[in-house]
């Protein structure tokens, strides 16, 4: 079973694989650490989260915000080394407007043996930056005959969801619709069961 994640889901995949047995891990556009303010997009996001006026303005902008984490989880860079020797693929775009490519290179340097880093020219952030060709390359990287477990969105959407899975922290989402994902997976030669 391969664990695949995009953006915040990529960091969740890394955290999960650092403590659970899996056959492979694909992390696309993961931050290496939390509370990053390197980019204008992340500074805007943090302003919405932290400023009293930001929380009032967020719904007007179509952004749903949840409560802050009750306990900050360990950051991906602190645990990525535990994934080895499991094969790990880190994919990151050089035009990611949320997390610069240095996040991927930092994760790569911290990871153990069996890690691959693909810095993709012209790619933006996460699902919105992924092309069918990249999905095909990721599918080729995964072991033939293996299973890919992918959790994807049903409808295209970007935002947050409060109390996701009855937790106290908001879940951040940015994804395409299910038809687009199915199309990408089929074009990559994967069998959907």
Protein backbone atom coordinates (compact mmCIF):
# COMPACT_ATOMS: atom_id res chain seq x y z
CA UNK A 1 0.00 0.00 0.00
CA UNK A 2 1.36 3.41 -0.98
CA UNK A 3 0.42 6.53 0.94
CA UNK A 4 0.03 9.66 -1.21
CA UNK A 5 -0.70 13.18 -0.06
CA UNK A 6 -0.85 16.71 -1.45
CA UNK A 7 -0.04 19.91 0.49
CA UNK A 8 -1.23 19.46 4.10
CA UNK A 9 -2.17 15.91 3.11
CA UNK A 10 1.46 15.39 2.01
CA UNK A 11 2.66 16.30 5.49
CA UNK A 12 0.01 13.97 6.96
CA UNK A 13 1.33 11.18 4.70
CA UNK A 14 4.87 11.81 5.96
CA UNK A 15 3.76 11.85 9.60
CA UNK A 16 1.73 8.67 9.13
CA UNK A 17 4.51 6.80 7.32
CA UNK A 18 7.05 7.83 9.96
CA UNK A 19 5.28 5.61 12.49
CA UNK A 20 3.35 3.04 10.46
CA UNK A 21 4.39 0.34 7.99
CA UNK A 22 3.65 1.20 4.35
CA UNK A 23 5.20 0.06 1.07
CA UNK A 24 5.85 3.50 -0.44
CA UNK A 25 5.18 7.19 0.21
CA UNK A 26 4.53 10.02 -2.26
CA UNK A 27 4.51 13.53 -0.84
CA UNK A 28 3.52 16.36 -3.21
CA UNK A 29 4.03 20.01 -2.14
CA UNK A 30 4.53 19.32 1.56
CA UNK A 31 5.69 21.98 3.96
CA UNK A 32 8.76 20.91 5.92
CA UNK A 33 7.62 22.75 9.05
CA UNK A 34 4.58 24.57 10.43
CA UNK A 35 3.75 28.28 10.66
CA UNK A 36 5.67 29.21 7.53
CA UNK A 37 5.37 32.85 6.43
CA UNK A 38 7.91 32.89 3.60
CA UNK A 39 5.44 33.63 0.84
CA UNK A 40 2.73 36.23 0.32
CA UNK A 41 0.10 33.48 0.17
CA UNK A 42 1.13 32.10 3.55
CA UNK A 43 1.37 35.56 5.11
CA UNK A 44 -2.21 36.25 3.93
CA UNK A 45 -3.36 32.91 5.30
CA UNK A 46 -1.73 33.52 8.67
CA UNK A 47 -3.21 37.01 8.81
CA UNK A 48 -6.68 35.50 8.29
CA UNK A 49 -6.00 32.95 11.02
CA UNK A 50 -4.39 35.23 13.59
CA UNK A 51 -5.82 38.72 13.17
CA UNK A 52 -9.24 39.43 14.75
CA UNK A 53 -10.35 41.17 11.56
CA UNK A 54 -9.00 38.27 9.51
CA UNK A 55 -11.37 35.83 11.13
CA UNK A 56 -14.26 38.18 10.36
CA UNK A 57 -13.16 38.70 6.77
CA UNK A 58 -12.40 35.04 5.99
CA UNK A 59 -16.04 33.98 5.38
CA UNK A 60 -16.54 36.94 3.03
CA UNK A 61 -13.55 35.67 1.04
CA UNK A 62 -14.94 32.14 1.00
CA UNK A 63 -12.34 30.79 3.45
CA UNK A 64 -13.55 28.69 6.36
CA UNK A 65 -11.25 28.78 9.38
CA UNK A 66 -11.23 26.45 12.33
CA UNK A 67 -9.76 26.78 15.76
CA UNK A 68 -5.99 26.69 16.24
CA UNK A 69 -4.36 23.35 17.03
CA UNK A 70 -4.80 22.36 20.66
CA UNK A 71 -1.38 20.73 20.42
CA UNK A 72 0.99 21.44 17.55
CA UNK A 73 1.98 18.15 15.88
CA UNK A 74 5.59 17.31 15.22
CA UNK A 75 6.75 18.88 11.96
CA UNK A 76 7.48 16.70 8.91
CA UNK A 77 11.20 17.53 8.92
CA UNK A 78 11.52 16.14 12.45
CA UNK A 79 10.22 12.66 11.50
CA UNK A 80 10.91 12.15 7.79
CA UNK A 81 14.09 10.21 8.60
CA UNK A 82 11.97 7.49 10.26
CA UNK A 83 10.41 6.53 6.90
CA UNK A 84 13.62 4.92 5.57
CA UNK A 85 14.16 2.35 4.15
CA UNK A 86 10.63 2.64 2.74
CA UNK A 87 10.73 4.26 -0.72
CA UNK A 88 9.82 7.94 -0.46
CA UNK A 89 9.14 10.28 -3.38
CA UNK A 90 9.12 14.01 -2.67
CA UNK A 91 7.57 16.08 -5.49
CA UNK A 92 7.60 19.87 -5.41
CA UNK A 93 7.06 22.63 -7.94
CA UNK A 94 9.53 25.44 -8.47
CA UNK A 95 6.55 27.84 -8.77
CA UNK A 96 4.78 26.79 -5.56
CA UNK A 97 3.27 30.00 -4.21
CA UNK A 98 2.68 28.57 -0.72
CA UNK A 99 5.88 26.66 0.08
CA UNK A 100 9.12 27.33 -1.84
CA UNK A 101 11.07 24.35 -3.18
CA UNK A 102 13.52 24.70 -0.29
CA UNK A 103 10.93 22.83 1.82
CA UNK A 104 11.34 19.78 -0.41
CA UNK A 105 15.13 20.00 -0.45
CA UNK A 106 15.17 20.28 3.36
CA UNK A 107 12.95 17.19 3.64
CA UNK A 108 15.16 15.37 1.15
CA UNK A 109 18.32 16.17 3.13
CA UNK A 110 16.64 15.03 6.36
CA UNK A 111 15.21 11.81 4.86
CA UNK A 112 17.04 8.52 4.76
CA UNK A 113 18.06 6.11 2.04
CA UNK A 114 15.51 5.31 -0.64
CA UNK A 115 14.30 8.90 -1.01
CA UNK A 116 13.83 10.56 -4.40
CA UNK A 117 13.33 14.27 -4.99
CA UNK A 118 11.60 15.61 -8.08
CA UNK A 119 11.74 19.39 -8.37
CA UNK A 120 9.26 20.10 -11.15
CA UNK A 121 9.91 23.12 -13.40
CA UNK A 122 6.84 25.33 -13.81
CA UNK A 123 4.71 23.40 -11.32
CA UNK A 124 2.62 25.35 -8.80
CA UNK A 125 1.16 24.06 -5.56
CA UNK A 126 -0.30 20.60 -4.93
CA UNK A 127 -3.31 19.38 -6.94
CA UNK A 128 -3.69 22.67 -8.76
CA UNK A 129 -0.14 22.31 -10.08
CA UNK A 130 -0.19 18.60 -10.94
CA UNK A 131 -0.54 17.56 -14.59
CA UNK A 132 -1.68 14.22 -16.01
CA UNK A 133 1.92 13.67 -17.14
CA UNK A 134 3.18 14.05 -13.59
CA UNK A 135 0.52 11.65 -12.31
CA UNK A 136 1.78 9.20 -14.95
CA UNK A 137 5.38 9.57 -13.75
CA UNK A 138 4.31 9.08 -10.12
CA UNK A 139 2.38 5.94 -11.11
CA UNK A 140 5.48 4.65 -12.93
CA UNK A 141 7.59 5.29 -9.83
CA UNK A 142 5.22 3.26 -7.66
CA UNK A 143 5.89 -0.45 -7.67
CA UNK A 144 4.17 -2.40 -10.46
CA UNK A 145 1.39 -4.57 -9.10
CA UNK A 146 1.11 -2.55 -5.91
CA UNK A 147 -1.90 -0.77 -4.53
CA UNK A 148 -2.28 2.98 -4.37
CA UNK A 149 -4.54 4.26 -1.63
CA UNK A 150 -5.46 7.84 -2.48
CA UNK A 151 -7.90 10.02 -0.60
CA UNK A 152 -9.14 12.72 -2.95
CA UNK A 153 -11.87 15.32 -2.96
CA UNK A 154 -15.27 14.74 -4.53
CA UNK A 155 -15.75 18.35 -5.65
CA UNK A 156 -13.14 20.95 -6.54
CA UNK A 157 -12.63 23.10 -3.47
CA UNK A 158 -10.07 25.10 -1.51
CA UNK A 159 -10.60 26.06 2.12
CA UNK A 160 -10.75 24.63 5.64
CA UNK A 161 -13.16 22.38 7.48
CA UNK A 162 -13.64 22.76 11.22
CA UNK A 163 -13.52 19.75 13.54
CA UNK A 164 -12.63 17.34 10.76
CA UNK A 165 -12.99 13.75 12.01
CA UNK A 166 -14.13 15.21 15.35
CA UNK A 167 -10.68 16.68 15.95
CA UNK A 168 -10.02 20.08 17.43
CA UNK A 169 -7.93 21.37 14.51
CA UNK A 170 -9.16 22.54 11.12
CA UNK A 171 -8.33 20.48 8.04
CA UNK A 172 -6.99 22.46 5.09
CA UNK A 173 -8.16 21.35 1.64
CA UNK A 174 -7.27 22.19 -1.94
CA UNK A 175 -8.33 19.64 -4.52
CA UNK A 176 -9.81 18.92 -7.91
CA UNK A 177 -13.13 17.11 -8.44
CA UNK A 178 -13.43 13.32 -8.49
CA UNK A 179 -13.92 13.15 -12.27
CA UNK A 180 -10.62 14.97 -12.80
CA UNK A 181 -8.80 12.62 -10.40
CA UNK A 182 -10.31 9.55 -12.11
CA UNK A 183 -9.24 10.92 -15.48
CA UNK A 184 -5.67 11.53 -14.27
CA UNK A 185 -5.42 8.07 -12.70
CA UNK A 186 -6.77 6.35 -15.82
CA UNK A 187 -4.43 8.35 -18.08
CA UNK A 188 -1.58 7.20 -15.83
CA UNK A 189 -2.56 3.59 -16.52
CA UNK A 190 -3.85 2.85 -13.03
CA UNK A 191 -6.81 0.53 -12.56
CA UNK A 192 -9.51 2.03 -10.32
CA UNK A 193 -11.25 -0.57 -8.15
